[in-house]
PDB file of all heavy atoms in Angstrom:
ATOM      1  N   PHE A   1     122.558 159.328  97.275  1.00  0.00           N
ATOM      2  CA  PHE A   1     123.403 159.869  96.207  1.00  0.00           C
ATOM      3  C   PHE A   1     123.210 159.062  94.928  1.00  0.00           C
ATOM      4  O   PHE A   1     123.088 157.836  94.956  1.00  0.00           O
ATOM      5  CB  PHE A   1     124.878 159.826  96.604  1.00  0.00           C
ATOM      6  CG  PHE A   1     125.232 160.674  97.785  1.00  0.00           C
ATOM      7  CD1 PHE A   1     125.640 160.086  98.972  1.00  0.00           C
ATOM      8  CD2 PHE A   1     125.154 162.053  97.717  1.00  0.00           C
ATOM      9  CE1 PHE A   1     125.966 160.862 100.068  1.00  0.00           C
ATOM     10  CE2 PHE A   1     125.472 162.839  98.810  1.00  0.00           C
ATOM     11  CZ  PHE A   1     125.882 162.238  99.991  1.00  0.00           C
ATOM     12  N   LEU A   2     123.218 159.747  93.795  1.00  0.00           N
ATOM     13  CA  LEU A   2     123.154 159.094  92.486  1.00  0.00           C
ATOM     14  C   LEU A   2     124.333 159.589  91.649  1.00  0.00           C
ATOM     15  O   LEU A   2     124.334 160.731  91.182  1.00  0.00           O
ATOM     16  CB  LEU A   2     121.842 159.426  91.778  1.00  0.00           C
ATOM     17  CG  LEU A   2     121.696 158.842  90.362  1.00  0.00           C
ATOM     18  CD1 LEU A   2     121.659 157.318  90.416  1.00  0.00           C
ATOM     19  CD2 LEU A   2     120.441 159.369  89.679  1.00  0.00           C
ATOM     20  N   PRO A   3     125.371 158.751  91.458  1.00  0.00           N
ATOM     21  CA  PRO A   3     126.508 159.190  90.635  1.00  0.00           C
ATOM     22  C   PRO A   3     126.096 159.278  89.165  1.00  0.00           C
ATOM     23  O   PRO A   3     125.597 158.304  88.596  1.00  0.00           O
ATOM     24  CB  PRO A   3     127.542 158.080  90.858  1.00  0.00           C
ATOM     25  CG  PRO A   3     126.755 156.884  91.255  1.00  0.00           C
ATOM     26  CD  PRO A   3     125.539 157.386  91.969  1.00  0.00           C
ATOM     27  N   VAL A   4     126.287 160.441  88.559  1.00  0.00           N
ATOM     28  CA  VAL A   4     125.860 160.632  87.166  1.00  0.00           C
ATOM     29  C   VAL A   4     127.046 160.685  86.208  1.00  0.00           C
ATOM     30  O   VAL A   4     126.859 160.709  84.993  1.00  0.00           O
ATOM     31  CB  VAL A   4     125.005 161.910  87.019  1.00  0.00           C
ATOM     32  CG1 VAL A   4     123.725 161.776  87.802  1.00  0.00           C
ATOM     33  CG2 VAL A   4     125.780 163.147  87.458  1.00  0.00           C
ATOM     34  N   GLY A   5     128.268 160.702  86.744  1.00  0.00           N
ATOM     35  CA  GLY A   5     129.429 160.731  85.876  1.00  0.00           C
ATOM     36  C   GLY A   5     130.721 160.907  86.649  1.00  0.00           C
ATOM     37  O   GLY A   5     130.718 161.301  87.821  1.00  0.00           O
ATOM     38  N   PHE A   6     131.821 160.574  85.963  1.00  0.00           N
ATOM     39  CA  PHE A   6     133.156 160.771  86.521  1.00  0.00           C
ATOM     40  C   PHE A   6     133.888 161.849  85.731  1.00  0.00           C
ATOM     41  O   PHE A   6     133.634 162.052  84.540  1.00  0.00           O
ATOM     42  CB  PHE A   6     133.985 159.484  86.419  1.00  0.00           C
ATOM     43  CG  PHE A   6     133.596 158.405  87.381  1.00  0.00           C
ATOM     44  CD1 PHE A   6     132.801 157.352  86.960  1.00  0.00           C
ATOM     45  CD2 PHE A   6     134.034 158.429  88.691  1.00  0.00           C
ATOM     46  CE1 PHE A   6     132.449 156.334  87.830  1.00  0.00           C
ATOM     47  CE2 PHE A   6     133.693 157.417  89.577  1.00  0.00           C
ATOM     48  CZ  PHE A   6     132.891 156.373  89.145  1.00  0.00           C
ATOM     49  N   ILE A   7     134.803 162.535  86.399  1.00  0.00           N
ATOM     50  CA  ILE A   7     135.756 163.445  85.761  1.00  0.00           C
ATOM     51  C   ILE A   7     137.141 162.868  85.998  1.00  0.00           C
ATOM     52  O   ILE A   7     137.487 162.528  87.135  1.00  0.00           O
ATOM     53  CB  ILE A   7     135.667 164.857  86.390  1.00  0.00           C
ATOM     54  CG1 ILE A   7     134.354 165.536  86.045  1.00  0.00           C
ATOM     55  CG2 ILE A   7     136.852 165.708  85.952  1.00  0.00           C
ATOM     56  CD1 ILE A   7     134.249 165.995  84.623  1.00  0.00           C
ATOM     57  N   ASP A   8     137.945 162.743  84.943  1.00  0.00           N
ATOM     58  CA  ASP A   8     139.303 162.228  85.121  1.00  0.00           C
ATOM     59  C   ASP A   8     140.190 162.738  83.986  1.00  0.00           C
ATOM     60  O   ASP A   8     139.749 162.830  82.841  1.00  0.00           O
ATOM     61  CB  ASP A   8     139.298 160.694  85.135  1.00  0.00           C
ATOM     62  CG  ASP A   8     140.524 160.125  85.828  1.00  0.00           C
ATOM     63  OD1 ASP A   8     141.623 160.157  85.233  1.00  0.00           O
ATOM     64  OD2 ASP A   8     140.386 159.661  86.976  1.00  0.00           O
ATOM     65  N   ASP A   9     141.441 163.054  84.323  1.00  0.00           N
ATOM     66  CA  ASP A   9     142.368 163.602  83.325  1.00  0.00           C
ATOM     67  C   ASP A   9     143.166 162.526  82.590  1.00  0.00           C
ATOM     68  O   ASP A   9     144.005 162.850  81.750  1.00  0.00           O
ATOM     69  CB  ASP A   9     143.335 164.586  84.004  1.00  0.00           C
ATOM     70  CG  ASP A   9     142.644 165.884  84.386  1.00  0.00           C
ATOM     71  OD1 ASP A   9     141.622 166.220  83.751  1.00  0.00           O
ATOM     72  OD2 ASP A   9     143.115 166.556  85.331  1.00  0.00           O
ATOM     73  N   ASP A  10     142.915 161.258  82.900  1.00  0.00           N
ATOM     74  CA  ASP A  10     143.589 160.167  82.202  1.00  0.00           C
ATOM     75  C   ASP A  10     142.897 159.932  80.856  1.00  0.00           C
ATOM     76  O   ASP A  10     141.734 159.515  80.819  1.00  0.00           O
ATOM     77  CB  ASP A  10     143.528 158.898  83.053  1.00  0.00           C
ATOM     78  CG  ASP A  10     144.296 157.739  82.417  1.00  0.00           C
ATOM     79  OD1 ASP A  10     144.774 157.889  81.276  1.00  0.00           O
ATOM     80  OD2 ASP A  10     144.411 156.686  83.069  1.00  0.00           O
ATOM     81  N   PRO A  11     143.571 160.192  79.733  1.00  0.00           N
ATOM     82  CA  PRO A  11     142.935 160.040  78.411  1.00  0.00           C
ATOM     83  C   PRO A  11     142.397 158.630  78.168  1.00  0.00           C
ATOM     84  O   PRO A  11     141.404 158.449  77.464  1.00  0.00           O
ATOM     85  CB  PRO A  11     144.065 160.368  77.425  1.00  0.00           C
ATOM     86  CG  PRO A  11     145.073 161.128  78.222  1.00  0.00           C
ATOM     87  CD  PRO A  11     144.976 160.624  79.616  1.00  0.00           C
ATOM     88  N   ALA A  12     143.053 157.613  78.760  1.00  0.00           N
ATOM     89  CA  ALA A  12     142.631 156.227  78.538  1.00  0.00           C
ATOM     90  C   ALA A  12     141.270 155.935  79.163  1.00  0.00           C
ATOM     91  O   ALA A  12     140.593 154.985  78.763  1.00  0.00           O
ATOM     92  CB  ALA A  12     143.681 155.270  79.106  1.00  0.00           C
ATOM     93  N   LYS A  13     140.866 156.744  80.128  1.00  0.00           N
ATOM     94  CA  LYS A  13     139.589 156.489  80.825  1.00  0.00           C
ATOM     95  C   LYS A  13     138.411 157.235  80.217  1.00  0.00           C
ATOM     96  O   LYS A  13     137.263 156.909  80.525  1.00  0.00           O
ATOM     97  CB  LYS A  13     139.723 156.866  82.307  1.00  0.00           C
ATOM     98  CG  LYS A  13     140.667 155.975  83.087  1.00  0.00           C
ATOM     99  CD  LYS A  13     140.771 156.429  84.541  1.00  0.00           C
ATOM    100  CE  LYS A  13     141.737 155.549  85.318  1.00  0.00           C
ATOM    101  NZ  LYS A  13     141.921 156.013  86.701  1.00  0.00           N
ATOM    102  N   LEU A  14     138.669 158.239  79.396  1.00  0.00           N
ATOM    103  CA  LEU A  14     137.596 159.059  78.844  1.00  0.00           C
ATOM    104  C   LEU A  14     136.633 158.211  78.019  1.00  0.00           C
ATOM    105  O   LEU A  14     137.040 157.430  77.163  1.00  0.00           O
ATOM    106  CB  LEU A  14     138.160 160.186  77.988  1.00  0.00           C
ATOM    107  CG  LEU A  14     138.979 161.253  78.728  1.00  0.00           C
ATOM    108  CD1 LEU A  14     139.485 162.307  77.762  1.00  0.00           C
ATOM    109  CD2 LEU A  14     138.159 161.900  79.833  1.00  0.00           C
ATOM    110  N   GLY A  15     135.346 158.362  78.291  1.00  0.00           N
ATOM    111  CA  GLY A  15     134.322 157.611  77.563  1.00  0.00           C
ATOM    112  C   GLY A  15     134.049 156.229  78.115  1.00  0.00           C
ATOM    113  O   GLY A  15     133.105 155.567  77.695  1.00  0.00           O
ATOM    114  N   MET A  16     134.881 155.776  79.057  1.00  0.00           N
ATOM    115  CA  MET A  16     134.677 154.449  79.632  1.00  0.00           C
ATOM    116  C   MET A  16     133.559 154.474  80.664  1.00  0.00           C
ATOM    117  O   MET A  16     133.197 155.527  81.196  1.00  0.00           O
ATOM    118  CB  MET A  16     135.964 153.949  80.295  1.00  0.00           C
ATOM    119  CG  MET A  16     137.088 153.643  79.327  1.00  0.00           C
ATOM    120  SD  MET A  16     138.563 153.025  80.173  1.00  0.00           S
ATOM    121  CE  MET A  16     137.928 151.511  80.890  1.00  0.00           C
ATOM    122  N   TYR A  17     133.006 153.280  80.954  1.00  0.00           N
ATOM    123  CA  TYR A  17     131.961 153.136  81.964  1.00  0.00           C
ATOM    124  C   TYR A  17     132.511 152.338  83.147  1.00  0.00           C
ATOM    125  O   TYR A  17     133.155 151.304  82.969  1.00  0.00           O
ATOM    126  CB  TYR A  17     130.743 152.411  81.392  1.00  0.00           C
ATOM    127  CG  TYR A  17     129.916 153.270  80.454  1.00  0.00           C
ATOM    128  CD1 TYR A  17     130.253 153.368  79.111  1.00  0.00           C
ATOM    129  CD2 TYR A  17     128.811 153.973  80.921  1.00  0.00           C
ATOM    130  CE1 TYR A  17     129.499 154.159  78.246  1.00  0.00           C
ATOM    131  CE2 TYR A  17     128.060 154.765  80.064  1.00  0.00           C
ATOM    132  CZ  TYR A  17     128.405 154.853  78.730  1.00  0.00           C
ATOM    133  OH  TYR A  17     127.658 155.635  77.883  1.00  0.00           O
ATOM    134  N   ILE A  18     132.260 152.822  84.352  1.00  0.00           N
ATOM    135  CA  ILE A  18     132.652 152.131  85.582  1.00  0.00           C
ATOM    136  C   ILE A  18     131.378 151.820  86.352  1.00  0.00           C
ATOM    137  O   ILE A  18     130.722 152.727  86.869  1.00  0.00           O
ATOM    138  CB  ILE A  18     133.604 152.998  86.434  1.00  0.00           C
ATOM    139  CG1 ILE A  18     134.870 153.342  85.644  1.00  0.00           C
ATOM    140  CG2 ILE A  18     133.960 152.297  87.739  1.00  0.00           C
ATOM    141  CD1 ILE A  18     135.785 154.329  86.323  1.00  0.00           C
ATOM    142  N   ASP A  19     131.012 150.541  86.393  1.00  0.00           N
ATOM    143  CA  ASP A  19     129.741 150.125  87.005  1.00  0.00           C
ATOM    144  C   ASP A  19     128.563 150.897  86.419  1.00  0.00           C
ATOM    145  O   ASP A  19     127.643 151.305  87.140  1.00  0.00           O
ATOM    146  CB  ASP A  19     129.781 150.333  88.525  1.00  0.00           C
ATOM    147  CG  ASP A  19     130.520 149.207  89.232  1.00  0.00           C
ATOM    148  OD1 ASP A  19     130.553 148.099  88.676  1.00  0.00           O
ATOM    149  OD2 ASP A  19     131.048 149.435  90.327  1.00  0.00           O
ATOM    150  N   GLY A  20     128.611 151.131  85.108  1.00  0.00           N
ATOM    151  CA  GLY A  20     127.503 151.796  84.437  1.00  0.00           C
ATOM    152  C   GLY A  20     127.547 153.308  84.490  1.00  0.00           C
ATOM    153  O   GLY A  20     126.665 153.978  83.947  1.00  0.00           O
ATOM    154  N   VAL A  21     128.568 153.882  85.137  1.00  0.00           N
ATOM    155  CA  VAL A  21     128.700 155.345  85.245  1.00  0.00           C
ATOM    156  C   VAL A  21     129.830 155.795  84.322  1.00  0.00           C
ATOM    157  O   VAL A  21     130.954 155.290  84.414  1.00  0.00           O
ATOM    158  CB  VAL A  21     128.983 155.779  86.704  1.00  0.00           C
ATOM    159  CG1 VAL A  21     129.079 157.302  86.793  1.00  0.00           C
ATOM    160  CG2 VAL A  21     127.901 155.253  87.638  1.00  0.00           C
ATOM    161  N   LYS A  22     129.554 156.751  83.441  1.00  0.00           N
ATOM    162  CA  LYS A  22     130.501 157.141  82.391  1.00  0.00           C
ATOM    163  C   LYS A  22     131.509 158.176  82.869  1.00  0.00           C
ATOM    164  O   LYS A  22     131.199 159.057  83.677  1.00  0.00           O
ATOM    165  CB  LYS A  22     129.723 157.704  81.198  1.00  0.00           C
ATOM    166  CG  LYS A  22     130.573 157.974  79.965  1.00  0.00           C
ATOM    167  CD  LYS A  22     129.714 158.465  78.813  1.00  0.00           C
ATOM    168  CE  LYS A  22     130.548 158.714  77.559  1.00  0.00           C
ATOM    169  NZ  LYS A  22     129.724 159.186  76.429  1.00  0.00           N
ATOM    170  N   VAL A  23     132.735 158.054  82.364  1.00  0.00           N
ATOM    171  CA  VAL A  23     133.755 159.098  82.545  1.00  0.00           C
ATOM    172  C   VAL A  23     133.470 160.146  81.476  1.00  0.00           C
ATOM    173  O   VAL A  23     133.741 159.944  80.293  1.00  0.00           O
ATOM    174  CB  VAL A  23     135.176 158.530  82.403  1.00  0.00           C
ATOM    175  CG1 VAL A  23     136.209 159.643  82.621  1.00  0.00           C
ATOM    176  CG2 VAL A  23     135.412 157.396  83.385  1.00  0.00           C
ATOM    177  N   VAL A  24     132.882 161.279  81.898  1.00  0.00           N
ATOM    178  CA  VAL A  24     132.301 162.229  80.940  1.00  0.00           C
ATOM    179  C   VAL A  24     133.262 163.313  80.459  1.00  0.00           C
ATOM    180  O   VAL A  24     132.961 164.018  79.497  1.00  0.00           O
ATOM    181  CB  VAL A  24     131.041 162.895  81.543  1.00  0.00           C
ATOM    182  CG1 VAL A  24     129.940 161.881  81.720  1.00  0.00           C
ATOM    183  CG2 VAL A  24     131.363 163.594  82.861  1.00  0.00           C
ATOM    184  N   GLY A  25     134.406 163.476  81.113  1.00  0.00           N
ATOM    185  CA  GLY A  25     135.322 164.513  80.654  1.00  0.00           C
ATOM    186  C   GLY A  25     136.485 164.720  81.600  1.00  0.00           C
ATOM    187  O   GLY A  25     136.718 163.922  82.516  1.00  0.00           O
ATOM    188  N   THR A  26     137.225 165.808  81.372  1.00  0.00           N
ATOM    189  CA  THR A  26     138.399 166.142  82.179  1.00  0.00           C
ATOM    190  C   THR A  26     138.075 167.303  83.099  1.00  0.00           C
ATOM    191  O   THR A  26     137.027 167.935  82.988  1.00  0.00           O
ATOM    192  CB  THR A  26     139.576 166.518  81.270  1.00  0.00           C
ATOM    193  OG1 THR A  26     139.224 167.712  80.537  1.00  0.00           O
ATOM    194  CG2 THR A  26     139.880 165.401  80.277  1.00  0.00           C
ATOM    195  N   THR A  27     139.004 167.620  83.996  1.00  0.00           N
ATOM    196  CA  THR A  27     138.778 168.733  84.929  1.00  0.00           C
ATOM    197  C   THR A  27     138.669 170.065  84.184  1.00  0.00           C
ATOM    198  O   THR A  27     137.978 170.972  84.633  1.00  0.00           O
ATOM    199  CB  THR A  27     139.921 168.809  85.964  1.00  0.00           C
ATOM    200  OG1 THR A  27     141.184 168.780  85.287  1.00  0.00           O
ATOM    201  CG2 THR A  27     139.852 167.657  86.928  1.00  0.00           C
ATOM    202  N   ALA A  28     139.334 170.191  83.037  1.00  0.00           N
ATOM    203  CA  ALA A  28     139.240 171.425  82.256  1.00  0.00           C
ATOM    204  C   ALA A  28     137.824 171.661  81.738  1.00  0.00           C
ATOM    205  O   ALA A  28     137.420 172.801  81.511  1.00  0.00           O
ATOM    206  CB  ALA A  28     140.228 171.375  81.088  1.00  0.00           C
ATOM    207  N   GLN A  29     137.059 170.566  81.567  1.00  0.00           N
ATOM    208  CA  GLN A  29     135.681 170.671  81.065  1.00  0.00           C
ATOM    209  C   GLN A  29     134.656 170.759  82.187  1.00  0.00           C
ATOM    210  O   GLN A  29     133.456 170.720  81.925  1.00  0.00           O
ATOM    211  CB  GLN A  29     135.373 169.442  80.191  1.00  0.00           C
ATOM    212  CG  GLN A  29     136.289 169.307  78.976  1.00  0.00           C
ATOM    213  CD  GLN A  29     136.130 167.951  78.310  1.00  0.00           C
ATOM    214  OE1 GLN A  29     136.287 166.912  78.941  1.00  0.00           O
ATOM    215  NE2 GLN A  29     135.799 167.962  77.021  1.00  0.00           N
ATOM    216  N   LEU A  30     135.126 170.862  83.419  1.00  0.00           N
ATOM    217  CA  LEU A  30     134.240 170.821  84.583  1.00  0.00           C
ATOM    218  C   LEU A  30     133.107 171.841  84.539  1.00  0.00           C
ATOM    219  O   LEU A  30     131.941 171.484  84.757  1.00  0.00           O
ATOM    220  CB  LEU A  30     135.080 170.983  85.858  1.00  0.00           C
ATOM    221  CG  LEU A  30     134.379 170.785  87.195  1.00  0.00           C
ATOM    222  CD1 LEU A  30     133.681 169.440  87.267  1.00  0.00           C
ATOM    223  CD2 LEU A  30     135.374 170.909  88.344  1.00  0.00           C
ATOM    224  N   PRO A  31     133.355 173.121  84.247  1.00  0.00           N
ATOM    225  CA  PRO A  31     132.249 174.092  84.222  1.00  0.00           C
ATOM    226  C   PRO A  31     131.145 173.712  83.235  1.00  0.00           C
ATOM    227  O   PRO A  31     129.953 173.807  83.560  1.00  0.00           O
ATOM    228  CB  PRO A  31     132.934 175.407  83.826  1.00  0.00           C
ATOM    229  CG  PRO A  31     134.358 175.231  84.248  1.00  0.00           C
ATOM    230  CD  PRO A  31     134.653 173.786  84.024  1.00  0.00           C
ATOM    231  N   GLU A  32     131.535 173.269  82.020  1.00  0.00           N
ATOM    232  CA  GLU A  32     130.531 172.900  81.014  1.00  0.00           C
ATOM    233  C   GLU A  32     129.745 171.659  81.443  1.00  0.00           C
ATOM    234  O   GLU A  32     128.520 171.591  81.264  1.00  0.00           O
ATOM    235  CB  GLU A  32     131.211 172.613  79.661  1.00  0.00           C
ATOM    236  CG  GLU A  32     131.869 173.822  79.012  1.00  0.00           C
ATOM    237  CD  GLU A  32     133.249 174.118  79.571  1.00  0.00           C
ATOM    238  OE1 GLU A  32     133.779 173.277  80.356  1.00  0.00           O
ATOM    239  OE2 GLU A  32     133.818 175.182  79.248  1.00  0.00           O
ATOM    240  N   ILE A  33     130.437 170.695  82.045  1.00  0.00           N
ATOM    241  CA  ILE A  33     129.778 169.461  82.486  1.00  0.00           C
ATOM    242  C   ILE A  33     128.784 169.751  83.603  1.00  0.00           C
ATOM    243  O   ILE A  33     127.684 169.185  83.642  1.00  0.00           O
ATOM    244  CB  ILE A  33     130.834 168.424  82.938  1.00  0.00           C
ATOM    245  CG1 ILE A  33     131.652 167.959  81.729  1.00  0.00           C
ATOM    246  CG2 ILE A  33     130.183 167.230  83.629  1.00  0.00           C
ATOM    247  CD1 ILE A  33     132.890 167.173  82.086  1.00  0.00           C
ATOM    248  N   LEU A  34     129.142 170.658  84.505  1.00  0.00           N
ATOM    249  CA  LEU A  34     128.234 171.020  85.596  1.00  0.00           C
ATOM    250  C   LEU A  34     126.937 171.615  85.060  1.00  0.00           C
ATOM    251  O   LEU A  34     125.843 171.302  85.538  1.00  0.00           O
ATOM    252  CB  LEU A  34     128.916 172.018  86.539  1.00  0.00           C
ATOM    253  CG  LEU A  34     130.034 171.469  87.444  1.00  0.00           C
ATOM    254  CD1 LEU A  34     130.703 172.606  88.186  1.00  0.00           C
ATOM    255  CD2 LEU A  34     129.474 170.458  88.429  1.00  0.00           C
ATOM    256  N   LYS A  35     127.053 172.485  84.071  1.00  0.00           N
ATOM    257  CA  LYS A  35     125.871 173.152  83.528  1.00  0.00           C
ATOM    258  C   LYS A  35     125.002 172.211  82.700  1.00  0.00           C
ATOM    259  O   LYS A  35     123.781 172.340  82.674  1.00  0.00           O
ATOM    260  CB  LYS A  35     126.307 174.346  82.666  1.00  0.00           C
ATOM    261  CG  LYS A  35     126.946 175.468  83.475  1.00  0.00           C
ATOM    262  CD  LYS A  35     127.489 176.565  82.569  1.00  0.00           C
ATOM    263  CE  LYS A  35     128.202 177.648  83.386  1.00  0.00           C
ATOM    264  NZ  LYS A  35     128.810 178.679  82.521  1.00  0.00           N
ATOM    265  N   ALA A  36     125.621 171.227  82.039  1.00  0.00           N
ATOM    266  CA  ALA A  36     124.880 170.380  81.091  1.00  0.00           C
ATOM    267  C   ALA A  36     124.220 169.168  81.731  1.00  0.00           C
ATOM    268  O   ALA A  36     123.347 168.550  81.128  1.00  0.00           O
ATOM    269  CB  ALA A  36     125.828 169.911  79.989  1.00  0.00           C
ATOM    270  N   ASN A  37     124.597 168.799  82.970  1.00  0.00           N
ATOM    271  CA  ASN A  37     124.129 167.531  83.532  1.00  0.00           C
ATOM    272  C   ASN A  37     123.288 167.666  84.797  1.00  0.00           C
ATOM    273  O   ASN A  37     122.974 166.660  85.434  1.00  0.00           O
ATOM    274  CB  ASN A  37     125.329 166.623  83.822  1.00  0.00           C
ATOM    275  CG  ASN A  37     126.013 166.154  82.556  1.00  0.00           C
ATOM    276  OD1 ASN A  37     125.609 165.180  81.928  1.00  0.00           O
ATOM    277  ND2 ASN A  37     127.065 166.863  82.154  1.00  0.00           N
ATOM    278  N   GLY A  38     122.924 168.872  85.181  1.00  0.00           N
ATOM    279  CA  GLY A  38     122.068 169.046  86.356  1.00  0.00           C
ATOM    280  C   GLY A  38     122.681 168.491  87.627  1.00  0.00           C
ATOM    281  O   GLY A  38     122.018 167.805  88.403  1.00  0.00           O
ATOM    282  N   ILE A  39     123.941 168.802  87.859  1.00  0.00           N
ATOM    283  CA  ILE A  39     124.665 168.271  89.013  1.00  0.00           C
ATOM    284  C   ILE A  39     124.258 169.023  90.282  1.00  0.00           C
ATOM    285  O   ILE A  39     124.203 170.242  90.298  1.00  0.00           O
ATOM    286  CB  ILE A  39     126.186 168.387  88.802  1.00  0.00           C
ATOM    287  CG1 ILE A  39     126.611 167.718  87.494  1.00  0.00           C
ATOM    288  CG2 ILE A  39     126.940 167.803  89.985  1.00  0.00           C
ATOM    289  CD1 ILE A  39     126.314 166.246  87.409  1.00  0.00           C
ATOM    290  N   ASP A  40     123.991 168.272  91.356  1.00  0.00           N
ATOM    291  CA  ASP A  40     123.672 168.891  92.655  1.00  0.00           C
ATOM    292  C   ASP A  40     124.926 169.092  93.500  1.00  0.00           C
ATOM    293  O   ASP A  40     125.079 170.112  94.159  1.00  0.00           O
ATOM    294  CB  ASP A  40     122.681 168.018  93.440  1.00  0.00           C
ATOM    295  CG  ASP A  40     121.359 167.872  92.728  1.00  0.00           C
ATOM    296  OD1 ASP A  40     120.841 168.896  92.243  1.00  0.00           O
ATOM    297  OD2 ASP A  40     120.837 166.742  92.651  1.00  0.00           O
ATOM    298  N   GLU A  41     125.805 168.082  93.500  1.00  0.00           N
ATOM    299  CA  GLU A  41     127.012 168.144  94.322  1.00  0.00           C
ATOM    300  C   GLU A  41     128.199 167.566  93.552  1.00  0.00           C
ATOM    301  O   GLU A  41     128.024 166.741  92.656  1.00  0.00           O
ATOM    302  CB  GLU A  41     126.829 167.367  95.638  1.00  0.00           C
ATOM    303  CG  GLU A  41     125.776 167.963  96.556  1.00  0.00           C
ATOM    304  CD  GLU A  41     125.702 167.257  97.902  1.00  0.00           C
ATOM    305  OE1 GLU A  41     126.571 166.392  98.174  1.00  0.00           O
ATOM    306  OE2 GLU A  41     124.781 167.558  98.676  1.00  0.00           O
ATOM    307  N   VAL A  42     129.392 168.009  93.949  1.00  0.00           N
ATOM    308  CA  VAL A  42     130.631 167.503  93.364  1.00  0.00           C
ATOM    309  C   VAL A  42     131.423 166.819  94.469  1.00  0.00           C
ATOM    310  O   VAL A  42     131.612 167.388  95.550  1.00  0.00           O
ATOM    311  CB  VAL A  42     131.467 168.638  92.738  1.00  0.00           C
ATOM    312  CG1 VAL A  42     132.797 168.108  92.223  1.00  0.00           C
ATOM    313  CG2 VAL A  42     130.694 169.317  91.616  1.00  0.00           C
ATOM    314  N   LEU A  43     131.869 165.599  94.205  1.00  0.00           N
ATOM    315  CA  LEU A  43     132.677 164.868  95.169  1.00  0.00           C
ATOM    316  C   LEU A  43     134.092 164.715  94.623  1.00  0.00           C
ATOM    317  O   LEU A  43     134.301 164.150  93.546  1.00  0.00           O
ATOM    318  CB  LEU A  43     132.084 163.484  95.432  1.00  0.00           C
ATOM    319  CG  LEU A  43     132.925 162.552  96.314  1.00  0.00           C
ATOM    320  CD1 LEU A  43     133.052 163.112  97.725  1.00  0.00           C
ATOM    321  CD2 LEU A  43     132.343 161.147  96.348  1.00  0.00           C
ATOM    322  N   VAL A  44     135.070 165.224  95.361  1.00  0.00           N
ATOM    323  CA  VAL A  44     136.482 165.092  94.973  1.00  0.00           C
ATOM    324  C   VAL A  44     137.001 163.791  95.573  1.00  0.00           C
ATOM    325  O   VAL A  44     137.204 163.685  96.784  1.00  0.00           O
ATOM    326  CB  VAL A  44     137.313 166.288  95.468  1.00  0.00           C
ATOM    327  CG1 VAL A  44     138.772 166.140  95.023  1.00  0.00           C
ATOM    328  CG2 VAL A  44     136.729 167.598  94.952  1.00  0.00           C
ATOM    329  N   ALA A  45     137.181 162.777  94.719  1.00  0.00           N
ATOM    330  CA  ALA A  45     137.630 161.455  95.163  1.00  0.00           C
ATOM    331  C   ALA A  45     139.079 161.231  94.763  1.00  0.00           C
ATOM    332  O   ALA A  45     139.404 160.341  93.983  1.00  0.00           O
ATOM    333  CB  ALA A  45     136.732 160.369  94.568  1.00  0.00           C
ATOM    334  N   LEU A  46     139.946 162.093  95.288  1.00  0.00           N
ATOM    335  CA  LEU A  46     141.385 162.040  94.965  1.00  0.00           C
ATOM    336  C   LEU A  46     142.180 162.011  96.266  1.00  0.00           C
ATOM    337  O   LEU A  46     142.785 163.019  96.656  1.00  0.00           O
ATOM    338  CB  LEU A  46     141.782 163.262  94.126  1.00  0.00           C
ATOM    339  CG  LEU A  46     141.051 163.454  92.792  1.00  0.00           C
ATOM    340  CD1 LEU A  46     141.346 164.834  92.214  1.00  0.00           C
ATOM    341  CD2 LEU A  46     141.451 162.361  91.805  1.00  0.00           C
TER     342      LEU A  46
END
């Protein structure tokens, strides 16, 4: 697995990097993020 980004609805986390992996957007932006980043799988870590 290669994590290419995080999705999180906490405004304070948007744009931050966690171990080099960026928080790229919120759940509302999920469809656009999927199309723009060549995602193979989605992992729900909640």
